[in-house]
Amino acid sequence: MRILVVCLGNICRSPTAEAALREALVDAGLDDRVTVDSAGTGDWHLGEPPDPRMVDAAAAARLTLGGRSRLITPADFDADLILVMDAANLRDVRALAPDDATRAKVRLYREFEDDADGTEVPDPYYGGSEGFAHVVDVARAGARGIVRHLQRMGV
């Protein structure tokens, strides 16, 4: 199974969600059956590593971020599940999808949480350090919900 995580610039939320999801898949013993990647819808940070503030917040929570920012491509729509961070990402990615079946694979990252305090992963880019730390917590909670969903599907 292939999962793609998407945000706006692919330097804060989606790399964090990618790392959190990989961590949760390892914990559940599903890492050999599910691959995870991330991308963005905007090209402002192409080729850049994750935002240093996000890297620091993740490291403080013992989560390691990697990769470099890239745009979502037509080949990415072959993923089995495309998880986006907010309503704007949902709209943008669904607009890029080639057909209705593909659009149906585009879902909000947090919709699998049992007790989410919202449907979106907030964008910390223009805020302070507490916003970045909050995104780490939200990404991990979302990842646990996604893994439970995958287990119920029999992955």
C-alpha atoms as a PDB file:
ATOM      1  CA  MET A   1       0.000   0.000   0.000  1.00  0.00           C
ATOM      2  CA  ARG A   2       1.179   3.522  -0.807  1.00  0.00           C
ATOM      3  CA  ILE A   3       0.185   6.614   1.175  1.00  0.00           C
ATOM      4  CA  LEU A   4       0.966  10.182   0.136  1.00  0.00           C
ATOM      5  CA  VAL A   5       0.722  13.044   2.642  1.00  0.00           C
ATOM      6  CA  VAL A   6       0.223  16.533   1.193  1.00  0.00           C
ATOM      7  CA  CYS A   7       0.349  20.088   2.528  1.00  0.00           C
ATOM      8  CA  LEU A   8       1.035  23.457   0.967  1.00  0.00           C
ATOM      9  CA  GLY A   9       4.831  23.810   0.859  1.00  0.00           C
ATOM     10  CA  ASN A  10       5.983  20.340   1.964  1.00  0.00           C
ATOM     11  CA  ILE A  11       8.312  21.775   4.609  1.00  0.00           C
ATOM     12  CA  CYS A  12       6.267  21.687   7.847  1.00  0.00           C
ATOM     13  CA  ARG A  13       3.103  19.633   8.140  1.00  0.00           C
ATOM     14  CA  SER A  14       3.465  16.937   5.496  1.00  0.00           C
ATOM     15  CA  PRO A  15       7.066  15.956   6.364  1.00  0.00           C
ATOM     16  CA  THR A  16       6.012  15.772  10.013  1.00  0.00           C
ATOM     17  CA  ALA A  17       2.936  13.703   9.188  1.00  0.00           C
ATOM     18  CA  GLU A  18       5.073  11.462   6.972  1.00  0.00           C
ATOM     19  CA  ALA A  19       7.548  10.845   9.806  1.00  0.00           C
ATOM     20  CA  ALA A  20       4.768  10.331  12.380  1.00  0.00           C
ATOM     21  CA  LEU A  21       2.991   7.892  10.104  1.00  0.00           C
ATOM     22  CA  ARG A  22       6.192   5.937   9.468  1.00  0.00           C
ATOM     23  CA  GLU A  23       6.774   5.784  13.219  1.00  0.00           C
ATOM     24  CA  ALA A  24       3.228   4.508  13.856  1.00  0.00           C
ATOM     25  CA  LEU A  25       3.539   1.929  11.063  1.00  0.00           C
ATOM     26  CA  VAL A  26       6.761   0.588  12.614  1.00  0.00           C
ATOM     27  CA  ASP A  27       5.095   0.419  16.038  1.00  0.00           C
ATOM     28  CA  ALA A  28       2.184  -1.539  14.518  1.00  0.00           C
ATOM     29  CA  GLY A  29       4.429  -3.840  12.494  1.00  0.00           C
ATOM     30  CA  LEU A  30       3.002  -2.554   9.212  1.00  0.00           C
ATOM     31  CA  ASP A  31       6.076  -0.780   7.883  1.00  0.00           C
ATOM     32  CA  ASP A  32       6.866  -3.644   5.516  1.00  0.00           C
ATOM     33  CA  ARG A  33       3.421  -3.351   3.886  1.00  0.00           C
ATOM     34  CA  VAL A  34       2.904   0.412   3.667  1.00  0.00           C
ATOM     35  CA  THR A  35       5.131   3.074   2.129  1.00  0.00           C
ATOM     36  CA  VAL A  36       4.728   6.766   2.893  1.00  0.00           C
ATOM     37  CA  ASP A  37       5.836   9.837   0.983  1.00  0.00           C
ATOM     38  CA  SER A  38       4.967  13.539   1.103  1.00  0.00           C
ATOM     39  CA  ALA A  39       4.540  16.407  -1.337  1.00  0.00           C
ATOM     40  CA  GLY A  40       3.191  19.926  -1.557  1.00  0.00           C
ATOM     41  CA  THR A  41       0.827  21.878  -3.761  1.00  0.00           C
ATOM     42  CA  GLY A  42       2.947  25.063  -3.850  1.00  0.00           C
ATOM     43  CA  ASP A  43       6.402  25.586  -5.335  1.00  0.00           C
ATOM     44  CA  TRP A  44       7.855  28.203  -2.965  1.00  0.00           C
ATOM     45  CA  HIS A  45      10.247  25.802  -1.230  1.00  0.00           C
ATOM     46  CA  LEU A  46      11.067  23.235  -3.919  1.00  0.00           C
ATOM     47  CA  GLY A  47      14.156  21.231  -3.071  1.00  0.00           C
ATOM     48  CA  GLU A  48      14.443  22.641   0.448  1.00  0.00           C
ATOM     49  CA  PRO A  49      14.670  20.457   3.560  1.00  0.00           C
ATOM     50  CA  PRO A  50      11.955  20.708   6.227  1.00  0.00           C
ATOM     51  CA  ASP A  51      11.659  24.063   7.997  1.00  0.00           C
ATOM     52  CA  PRO A  52      14.311  24.245  10.772  1.00  0.00           C
ATOM     53  CA  ARG A  53      11.650  25.224  13.317  1.00  0.00           C
ATOM     54  CA  MET A  54       9.687  22.073  12.443  1.00  0.00           C
ATOM     55  CA  VAL A  55      12.852  19.961  12.580  1.00  0.00           C
ATOM     56  CA  ASP A  56      13.608  21.322  16.060  1.00  0.00           C
ATOM     57  CA  ALA A  57      10.081  20.716  17.349  1.00  0.00           C
ATOM     58  CA  ALA A  58      10.078  17.189  15.947  1.00  0.00           C
ATOM     59  CA  ALA A  59      13.535  16.439  17.360  1.00  0.00           C
ATOM     60  CA  ALA A  60      12.412  17.632  20.794  1.00  0.00           C
ATOM     61  CA  ALA A  61       9.668  14.974  20.563  1.00  0.00           C
ATOM     62  CA  ARG A  62      12.134  12.348  19.252  1.00  0.00           C
ATOM     63  CA  LEU A  63      10.771  12.371  15.727  1.00  0.00           C
ATOM     64  CA  THR A  64      13.214  12.684  12.831  1.00  0.00           C
ATOM     65  CA  LEU A  65      12.235  14.580   9.698  1.00  0.00           C
ATOM     66  CA  GLY A  66      13.896  14.132   6.340  1.00  0.00           C
ATOM     67  CA  GLY A  67      13.477  14.627   2.647  1.00  0.00           C
ATOM     68  CA  ARG A  68      13.222  17.702   0.487  1.00  0.00           C
ATOM     69  CA  SER A  69      10.198  19.677  -0.635  1.00  0.00           C
ATOM     70  CA  ARG A  70       8.605  18.583  -3.883  1.00  0.00           C
ATOM     71  CA  LEU A  71       5.387  19.156  -5.764  1.00  0.00           C
ATOM     72  CA  ILE A  72       2.667  16.568  -6.108  1.00  0.00           C
ATOM     73  CA  THR A  73       2.903  14.935  -9.554  1.00  0.00           C
ATOM     74  CA  PRO A  74       0.478  12.958 -11.733  1.00  0.00           C
ATOM     75  CA  ALA A  75       2.313   9.755 -10.735  1.00  0.00           C
ATOM     76  CA  ASP A  76       1.455  10.464  -7.075  1.00  0.00           C
ATOM     77  CA  PHE A  77      -2.208   9.839  -7.822  1.00  0.00           C
ATOM     78  CA  ASP A  78      -1.376   6.125  -8.057  1.00  0.00           C
ATOM     79  CA  ALA A  79      -1.146   6.145  -4.245  1.00  0.00           C
ATOM     80  CA  ASP A  80      -3.815   4.127  -2.463  1.00  0.00           C
ATOM     81  CA  LEU A  81      -4.549   6.936  -0.021  1.00  0.00           C
ATOM     82  CA  ILE A  82      -3.748  10.649  -0.335  1.00  0.00           C
ATOM     83  CA  LEU A  83      -3.989  12.473   2.976  1.00  0.00           C
ATOM     84  CA  VAL A  84      -4.132  16.255   3.070  1.00  0.00           C
ATOM     85  CA  MET A  85      -3.695  18.648   5.967  1.00  0.00           C
ATOM     86  CA  ASP A  86      -6.587  21.082   5.524  1.00  0.00           C
ATOM     87  CA  ALA A  87      -9.644  22.041   3.483  1.00  0.00           C
ATOM     88  CA  ALA A  88      -7.627  24.157   1.033  1.00  0.00           C
ATOM     89  CA  ASN A  89      -5.273  21.229   0.362  1.00  0.00           C
ATOM     90  CA  LEU A  90      -8.298  18.969  -0.053  1.00  0.00           C
ATOM     91  CA  ARG A  91      -9.809  21.290  -2.652  1.00  0.00           C
ATOM     92  CA  ASP A  92      -6.512  21.798  -4.489  1.00  0.00           C
ATOM     93  CA  VAL A  93      -5.514  18.126  -4.625  1.00  0.00           C
ATOM     94  CA  ARG A  94      -8.983  16.965  -5.637  1.00  0.00           C
ATOM     95  CA  ALA A  95      -8.905  19.553  -8.446  1.00  0.00           C
ATOM     96  CA  LEU A  96      -5.663  17.986  -9.726  1.00  0.00           C
ATOM     97  CA  ALA A  97      -7.004  14.424  -9.559  1.00  0.00           C
ATOM     98  CA  PRO A  98      -7.672  12.902 -12.977  1.00  0.00           C
ATOM     99  CA  ASP A  99     -11.044  11.282 -12.186  1.00  0.00           C
ATOM    100  CA  ASP A 100     -13.719  10.664  -9.550  1.00  0.00           C
ATOM    101  CA  ALA A 101     -12.168   7.407  -8.326  1.00  0.00           C
ATOM    102  CA  THR A 102      -8.895   9.192  -7.671  1.00  0.00           C
ATOM    103  CA  ARG A 103     -10.630  12.140  -6.004  1.00  0.00           C
ATOM    104  CA  ALA A 104     -12.244   9.656  -3.602  1.00  0.00           C
ATOM    105  CA  LYS A 105      -8.777   8.606  -2.387  1.00  0.00           C
ATOM    106  CA  VAL A 106      -8.029  12.177  -1.240  1.00  0.00           C
ATOM    107  CA  ARG A 107      -8.984  12.495   2.420  1.00  0.00           C
ATOM    108  CA  LEU A 108      -8.214  14.716   5.390  1.00  0.00           C
ATOM    109  CA  TYR A 109      -5.332  13.401   7.503  1.00  0.00           C
ATOM    110  CA  ARG A 110      -7.239  13.848  10.769  1.00  0.00           C
ATOM    111  CA  GLU A 111     -10.488  12.194   9.740  1.00  0.00           C
ATOM    112  CA  PHE A 112      -9.319   8.855  11.148  1.00  0.00           C
ATOM    113  CA  GLU A 113      -8.772  10.160  14.696  1.00  0.00           C
ATOM    114  CA  ASP A 114     -11.300   8.978  17.267  1.00  0.00           C
ATOM    115  CA  ASP A 115     -11.289  12.187  19.298  1.00  0.00           C
ATOM    116  CA  ALA A 116      -9.837  14.873  17.041  1.00  0.00           C
ATOM    117  CA  ASP A 117     -10.280  18.452  18.203  1.00  0.00           C
ATOM    118  CA  GLY A 118     -10.709  19.501  14.575  1.00  0.00           C
ATOM    119  CA  THR A 119     -10.453  18.268  11.032  1.00  0.00           C
ATOM    120  CA  GLU A 120      -7.326  20.140   9.982  1.00  0.00           C
ATOM    121  CA  VAL A 121      -3.651  20.057  10.836  1.00  0.00           C
ATOM    122  CA  PRO A 122      -2.947  23.745  11.548  1.00  0.00           C
ATOM    123  CA  ASP A 123      -0.216  25.459   9.547  1.00  0.00           C
ATOM    124  CA  PRO A 124       2.481  26.652  11.995  1.00  0.00           C
ATOM    125  CA  TYR A 125       4.560  28.562   9.439  1.00  0.00           C
ATOM    126  CA  TYR A 126       3.674  32.101  10.535  1.00  0.00           C
ATOM    127  CA  GLY A 127       3.439  31.383  14.260  1.00  0.00           C
ATOM    128  CA  GLY A 128       5.703  30.648  17.183  1.00  0.00           C
ATOM    129  CA  SER A 129       7.431  27.507  18.383  1.00  0.00           C
ATOM    130  CA  GLU A 130       4.346  26.258  20.236  1.00  0.00           C
ATOM    131  CA  GLY A 131       2.548  25.850  16.896  1.00  0.00           C
ATOM    132  CA  PHE A 132       5.285  23.586  15.576  1.00  0.00           C
ATOM    133  CA  ALA A 133       5.221  21.449  18.713  1.00  0.00           C
ATOM    134  CA  HIS A 134       1.433  21.225  18.419  1.00  0.00           C
ATOM    135  CA  VAL A 135       1.740  19.965  14.823  1.00  0.00           C
ATOM    136  CA  VAL A 136       3.991  17.132  16.027  1.00  0.00           C
ATOM    137  CA  ASP A 137       1.333  16.088  18.557  1.00  0.00           C
ATOM    138  CA  VAL A 138      -1.477  16.366  15.999  1.00  0.00           C
ATOM    139  CA  ALA A 139       0.529  14.426  13.389  1.00  0.00           C
ATOM    140  CA  ARG A 140       1.155  11.596  15.837  1.00  0.00           C
ATOM    141  CA  ALA A 141      -2.495  11.417  16.896  1.00  0.00           C
ATOM    142  CA  GLY A 142      -3.551  11.377  13.264  1.00  0.00           C
ATOM    143  CA  ALA A 143      -1.009   8.673  12.462  1.00  0.00           C
ATOM    144  CA  ARG A 144      -2.382   6.428  15.207  1.00  0.00           C
ATOM    145  CA  GLY A 145      -5.878   6.848  13.771  1.00  0.00           C
ATOM    146  CA  ILE A 146      -4.678   6.091  10.251  1.00  0.00           C
ATOM    147  CA  VAL A 147      -2.925   2.934  11.442  1.00  0.00           C
ATOM    148  CA  ARG A 148      -6.092   1.780  13.220  1.00  0.00           C
ATOM    149  CA  HIS A 149      -7.999   2.391   9.974  1.00  0.00           C
ATOM    150  CA  LEU A 150      -5.448   0.352   8.014  1.00  0.00           C
ATOM    151  CA  GLN A 151      -5.653  -2.485  10.552  1.00  0.00           C
ATOM    152  CA  ARG A 152      -9.449  -2.534  10.269  1.00  0.00           C
ATOM    153  CA  MET A 153      -9.005  -2.755   6.472  1.00  0.00           C
ATOM    154  CA  GLY A 154      -6.779  -5.789   6.963  1.00  0.00           C
ATOM    155  CA  VAL A 155      -3.540  -4.207   5.754  1.00  0.00           C
END
